[in-house]
Amino acid sequence: MVPPFSGKPLGWGPWEYGQRFMDANRDLYFSIFFRARLMVVFLGLATEARLRLARSLFGVRAAAVAASLFLLSPPVLAHASLATVDAGAC
């Protein structure tokens, strides 16, 4: 069940909505949470596939540069180790 969003879009509104969502889906919440975190793993595998494609198309040096630029970018360093859904925005 998805409760309607009736709060403020900024401030505590999203947190309050998250609490209402969790309360409305108490039985399924851990399953939903697990699937959301599993998407981070799939995004990591997709990145690895892109790096393999870069290596096959442009060589090892290009793949190393692409991997370095990706892995040293601040959003990846901040979010990927936490396995949060924010990592998908990187």
C-alpha atoms as a PDB file:
ATOM      1  CA  MET A   1       0.000   0.000   0.000  1.00  0.00           C
ATOM      2  CA  VAL A   2       1.331   3.413  -0.937  1.00  0.00           C
ATOM      3  CA  PRO A   3      -0.020   6.200   1.271  1.00  0.00           C
ATOM      4  CA  PRO A   4      -0.629   9.546  -0.433  1.00  0.00           C
ATOM      5  CA  PHE A   5       2.013  12.196   0.076  1.00  0.00           C
ATOM      6  CA  SER A   6       0.464  15.075   1.950  1.00  0.00           C
ATOM      7  CA  GLY A   7       3.477  16.654   3.619  1.00  0.00           C
ATOM      8  CA  LYS A   8       5.850  19.406   2.694  1.00  0.00           C
ATOM      9  CA  PRO A   9       8.242  18.524  -0.140  1.00  0.00           C
ATOM     10  CA  LEU A  10      11.171  19.978   1.814  1.00  0.00           C
ATOM     11  CA  GLY A  11      12.283  19.666   5.410  1.00  0.00           C
ATOM     12  CA  TRP A  12      10.859  16.765   7.393  1.00  0.00           C
ATOM     13  CA  GLY A  13       8.110  15.958   4.865  1.00  0.00           C
ATOM     14  CA  PRO A  14       9.934  13.100   3.099  1.00  0.00           C
ATOM     15  CA  TRP A  15      11.008  11.593   6.429  1.00  0.00           C
ATOM     16  CA  GLU A  16       7.455  11.694   7.740  1.00  0.00           C
ATOM     17  CA  TYR A  17       6.202  10.108   4.525  1.00  0.00           C
ATOM     18  CA  GLY A  18       8.847   7.393   4.845  1.00  0.00           C
ATOM     19  CA  GLN A  19       7.596   6.616   8.340  1.00  0.00           C
ATOM     20  CA  ARG A  20       3.995   6.423   7.111  1.00  0.00           C
ATOM     21  CA  PHE A  21       5.087   4.169   4.232  1.00  0.00           C
ATOM     22  CA  MET A  22       6.935   1.891   6.632  1.00  0.00           C
ATOM     23  CA  ASP A  23       3.925   1.700   8.957  1.00  0.00           C
ATOM     24  CA  ALA A  24       1.538   0.978   6.065  1.00  0.00           C
ATOM     25  CA  ASN A  25       3.779  -1.816   4.728  1.00  0.00           C
ATOM     26  CA  ARG A  26       5.039  -3.307   7.950  1.00  0.00           C
ATOM     27  CA  ASP A  27       4.825  -6.929   6.714  1.00  0.00           C
ATOM     28  CA  LEU A  28       6.562  -6.272   3.379  1.00  0.00           C
ATOM     29  CA  TYR A  29       8.956  -3.533   4.429  1.00  0.00           C
ATOM     30  CA  PHE A  30      12.124  -5.630   4.737  1.00  0.00           C
ATOM     31  CA  SER A  31      11.447  -7.279   1.393  1.00  0.00           C
ATOM     32  CA  ILE A  32      10.994  -3.888  -0.256  1.00  0.00           C
ATOM     33  CA  PHE A  33      14.075  -2.545   1.514  1.00  0.00           C
ATOM     34  CA  PHE A  34      16.161  -5.536   0.404  1.00  0.00           C
ATOM     35  CA  ARG A  35      15.079  -5.151  -3.228  1.00  0.00           C
ATOM     36  CA  ALA A  36      15.952  -1.454  -3.173  1.00  0.00           C
ATOM     37  CA  ARG A  37      19.423  -2.218  -1.824  1.00  0.00           C
ATOM     38  CA  LEU A  38      19.829  -5.029  -4.352  1.00  0.00           C
ATOM     39  CA  MET A  39      19.485  -2.444  -7.123  1.00  0.00           C
ATOM     40  CA  VAL A  40      22.724  -0.862  -5.892  1.00  0.00           C
ATOM     41  CA  VAL A  41      24.466  -4.184  -6.480  1.00  0.00           C
ATOM     42  CA  PHE A  42      22.998  -4.377  -9.986  1.00  0.00           C
ATOM     43  CA  LEU A  43      24.186  -0.825 -10.714  1.00  0.00           C
ATOM     44  CA  GLY A  44      27.676  -1.832  -9.646  1.00  0.00           C
ATOM     45  CA  LEU A  45      27.567  -4.837 -11.958  1.00  0.00           C
ATOM     46  CA  ALA A  46      26.335  -2.631 -14.801  1.00  0.00           C
ATOM     47  CA  THR A  47      29.264  -0.293 -14.213  1.00  0.00           C
ATOM     48  CA  GLU A  48      31.647  -3.243 -14.311  1.00  0.00           C
ATOM     49  CA  ALA A  49      30.087  -4.359 -17.609  1.00  0.00           C
ATOM     50  CA  ARG A  50      30.582  -0.881 -19.067  1.00  0.00           C
ATOM     51  CA  LEU A  51      34.220  -0.902 -18.026  1.00  0.00           C
ATOM     52  CA  ARG A  52      34.706  -4.284 -19.692  1.00  0.00           C
ATOM     53  CA  LEU A  53      33.094  -2.885 -22.831  1.00  0.00           C
ATOM     54  CA  ALA A  54      35.425   0.131 -22.727  1.00  0.00           C
ATOM     55  CA  ARG A  55      38.380  -2.236 -22.407  1.00  0.00           C
ATOM     56  CA  SER A  56      37.300  -4.317 -25.376  1.00  0.00           C
ATOM     57  CA  LEU A  57      36.566  -1.281 -27.556  1.00  0.00           C
ATOM     58  CA  PHE A  58      39.365   1.117 -26.600  1.00  0.00           C
ATOM     59  CA  GLY A  59      42.005  -0.908 -24.759  1.00  0.00           C
ATOM     60  CA  VAL A  60      43.256  -1.363 -21.243  1.00  0.00           C
ATOM     61  CA  ARG A  61      44.522   2.200 -20.824  1.00  0.00           C
ATOM     62  CA  ALA A  62      41.125   3.741 -21.682  1.00  0.00           C
ATOM     63  CA  ALA A  63      39.359   1.359 -19.301  1.00  0.00           C
ATOM     64  CA  ALA A  64      41.825   2.227 -16.537  1.00  0.00           C
ATOM     65  CA  VAL A  65      41.248   5.946 -17.054  1.00  0.00           C
ATOM     66  CA  ALA A  66      37.462   5.445 -17.099  1.00  0.00           C
ATOM     67  CA  ALA A  67      37.593   3.322 -13.941  1.00  0.00           C
ATOM     68  CA  SER A  68      39.805   5.860 -12.186  1.00  0.00           C
ATOM     69  CA  LEU A  69      37.555   8.773 -13.083  1.00  0.00           C
ATOM     70  CA  PHE A  70      34.464   6.870 -11.982  1.00  0.00           C
ATOM     71  CA  LEU A  71      35.831   5.427  -8.755  1.00  0.00           C
ATOM     72  CA  LEU A  72      37.480   8.649  -7.626  1.00  0.00           C
ATOM     73  CA  SER A  73      34.461  10.864  -8.234  1.00  0.00           C
ATOM     74  CA  PRO A  74      33.092  12.369  -4.996  1.00  0.00           C
ATOM     75  CA  PRO A  75      29.517  10.999  -5.339  1.00  0.00           C
ATOM     76  CA  VAL A  76      30.791   7.448  -5.798  1.00  0.00           C
ATOM     77  CA  LEU A  77      33.170   7.770  -2.865  1.00  0.00           C
ATOM     78  CA  ALA A  78      30.376   9.163  -0.695  1.00  0.00           C
ATOM     79  CA  HIS A  79      27.515   6.829  -1.560  1.00  0.00           C
ATOM     80  CA  ALA A  80      28.759   3.575  -3.048  1.00  0.00           C
ATOM     81  CA  SER A  81      30.336   2.272   0.145  1.00  0.00           C
ATOM     82  CA  LEU A  82      27.068   2.823   2.000  1.00  0.00           C
ATOM     83  CA  ALA A  83      25.007   0.875  -0.556  1.00  0.00           C
ATOM     84  CA  THR A  84      22.274   3.477  -0.424  1.00  0.00           C
ATOM     85  CA  VAL A  85      19.905   4.141  -3.295  1.00  0.00           C
ATOM     86  CA  ASP A  86      21.663   7.502  -3.753  1.00  0.00           C
ATOM     87  CA  ALA A  87      24.470   5.582  -5.432  1.00  0.00           C
ATOM     88  CA  GLY A  88      22.258   5.283  -8.509  1.00  0.00           C
ATOM     89  CA  ALA A  89      22.504   9.026  -9.009  1.00  0.00           C
ATOM     90  CA  CYS A  90      26.287   8.821  -9.477  1.00  0.00           C
END
